[in-house]
Amino acid sequence: MPIERETIIERTPSETVVVGGGSPFGIIGAIIAIVFAVLLILWLVNGGISSNGDSVNVDLPNVTVTE
């Protein structure tokens, strides 16, 4: 009759790190920041501040200064 051998290996328990869920305000703020960044990039790509050489006419009123 054969003798069965049993080998027991004991392992140290692994550490479990629980990270709390993010704040919903942080997630909403991140989404707003991403949308704002995309709009800013699109605005800059489409000309941004430069006027591409176009002239701007401004009608100013006549002003007289007296003392």
C-alpha atoms as a PDB file:
ATOM      1  CA  MET A   1       0.000   0.000   0.000  1.00  0.00           C
ATOM      2  CA  PRO A   2       1.606   3.303  -1.106  1.00  0.00           C
ATOM      3  CA  ILE A   3       2.079   6.125   1.395  1.00  0.00           C
ATOM      4  CA  GLU A   4       0.787   9.482   0.256  1.00  0.00           C
ATOM      5  CA  ARG A   5       2.730  12.545   1.213  1.00  0.00           C
ATOM      6  CA  GLU A   6       1.120  15.898   1.689  1.00  0.00           C
ATOM      7  CA  THR A   7       3.115  19.091   1.394  1.00  0.00           C
ATOM      8  CA  ILE A   8       1.731  22.228   3.006  1.00  0.00           C
ATOM      9  CA  ILE A   9       3.091  25.583   1.863  1.00  0.00           C
ATOM     10  CA  GLU A  10       2.192  28.507   4.041  1.00  0.00           C
ATOM     11  CA  ARG A  11       2.180  31.894   2.358  1.00  0.00           C
ATOM     12  CA  THR A  12       2.149  35.206   4.115  1.00  0.00           C
ATOM     13  CA  PRO A  13      -1.062  37.093   3.401  1.00  0.00           C
ATOM     14  CA  SER A  14      -0.633  39.798   0.792  1.00  0.00           C
ATOM     15  CA  GLU A  15      -1.428  43.364   1.737  1.00  0.00           C
ATOM     16  CA  THR A  16      -4.643  44.795   0.415  1.00  0.00           C
ATOM     17  CA  VAL A  17      -4.738  48.531  -0.208  1.00  0.00           C
ATOM     18  CA  VAL A  18      -8.183  50.059  -0.441  1.00  0.00           C
ATOM     19  CA  VAL A  19      -8.346  53.420  -2.179  1.00  0.00           C
ATOM     20  CA  GLY A  20     -11.429  55.513  -1.586  1.00  0.00           C
ATOM     21  CA  GLY A  21     -13.475  56.633  -4.546  1.00  0.00           C
ATOM     22  CA  GLY A  22     -12.806  60.081  -5.993  1.00  0.00           C
ATOM     23  CA  SER A  23     -14.950  63.024  -5.107  1.00  0.00           C
ATOM     24  CA  PRO A  24     -17.744  63.653  -7.620  1.00  0.00           C
ATOM     25  CA  PHE A  25     -16.778  67.332  -7.580  1.00  0.00           C
ATOM     26  CA  GLY A  26     -13.260  66.409  -8.657  1.00  0.00           C
ATOM     27  CA  ILE A  27     -14.557  64.308 -11.526  1.00  0.00           C
ATOM     28  CA  ILE A  28     -16.923  67.069 -12.673  1.00  0.00           C
ATOM     29  CA  GLY A  29     -14.112  69.629 -12.388  1.00  0.00           C
ATOM     30  CA  ALA A  30     -11.817  67.441 -14.472  1.00  0.00           C
ATOM     31  CA  ILE A  31     -14.463  67.076 -17.194  1.00  0.00           C
ATOM     32  CA  ILE A  32     -15.030  70.846 -17.263  1.00  0.00           C
ATOM     33  CA  ALA A  33     -11.268  71.448 -17.450  1.00  0.00           C
ATOM     34  CA  ILE A  34     -10.927  69.031 -20.366  1.00  0.00           C
ATOM     35  CA  VAL A  35     -13.803  70.666 -22.275  1.00  0.00           C
ATOM     36  CA  PHE A  36     -12.327  74.118 -21.613  1.00  0.00           C
ATOM     37  CA  ALA A  37      -8.889  72.976 -22.823  1.00  0.00           C
ATOM     38  CA  VAL A  38     -10.371  71.537 -26.037  1.00  0.00           C
ATOM     39  CA  LEU A  39     -12.294  74.748 -26.738  1.00  0.00           C
ATOM     40  CA  LEU A  40      -9.179  76.832 -26.073  1.00  0.00           C
ATOM     41  CA  ILE A  41      -7.115  74.680 -28.447  1.00  0.00           C
ATOM     42  CA  LEU A  42      -9.787  74.949 -31.170  1.00  0.00           C
ATOM     43  CA  TRP A  43      -9.918  78.727 -30.703  1.00  0.00           C
ATOM     44  CA  LEU A  44      -6.138  79.029 -31.000  1.00  0.00           C
ATOM     45  CA  VAL A  45      -6.025  76.778 -34.079  1.00  0.00           C
ATOM     46  CA  ASN A  46      -8.738  78.832 -35.802  1.00  0.00           C
ATOM     47  CA  GLY A  47      -6.856  82.110 -35.452  1.00  0.00           C
ATOM     48  CA  GLY A  48      -6.997  82.950 -31.774  1.00  0.00           C
ATOM     49  CA  ILE A  49      -6.034  86.535 -31.085  1.00  0.00           C
ATOM     50  CA  SER A  50      -4.559  87.325 -34.512  1.00  0.00           C
ATOM     51  CA  SER A  51      -6.830  89.025 -37.008  1.00  0.00           C
ATOM     52  CA  ASN A  52      -5.020  87.645 -40.093  1.00  0.00           C
ATOM     53  CA  GLY A  53      -4.354  91.171 -41.398  1.00  0.00           C
ATOM     54  CA  ASP A  54      -7.998  92.242 -41.466  1.00  0.00           C
ATOM     55  CA  SER A  55      -8.648  95.869 -40.619  1.00  0.00           C
ATOM     56  CA  VAL A  56     -10.943  96.914 -37.834  1.00  0.00           C
ATOM     57  CA  ASN A  57     -12.892 100.164 -38.172  1.00  0.00           C
ATOM     58  CA  VAL A  58     -13.871 101.963 -34.999  1.00  0.00           C
ATOM     59  CA  ASP A  59     -16.013 105.107 -35.099  1.00  0.00           C
ATOM     60  CA  LEU A  60     -14.962 107.353 -32.238  1.00  0.00           C
ATOM     61  CA  PRO A  61     -16.992 110.402 -31.227  1.00  0.00           C
ATOM     62  CA  ASN A  62     -15.500 113.901 -31.484  1.00  0.00           C
ATOM     63  CA  VAL A  63     -14.242 114.931 -28.047  1.00  0.00           C
ATOM     64  CA  THR A  64     -13.167 118.408 -27.001  1.00  0.00           C
ATOM     65  CA  VAL A  65     -11.346 118.999 -23.751  1.00  0.00           C
ATOM     66  CA  THR A  66     -11.715 122.371 -22.025  1.00  0.00           C
ATOM     67  CA  GLU A  67     -10.344 123.628 -18.735  1.00  0.00           C
END
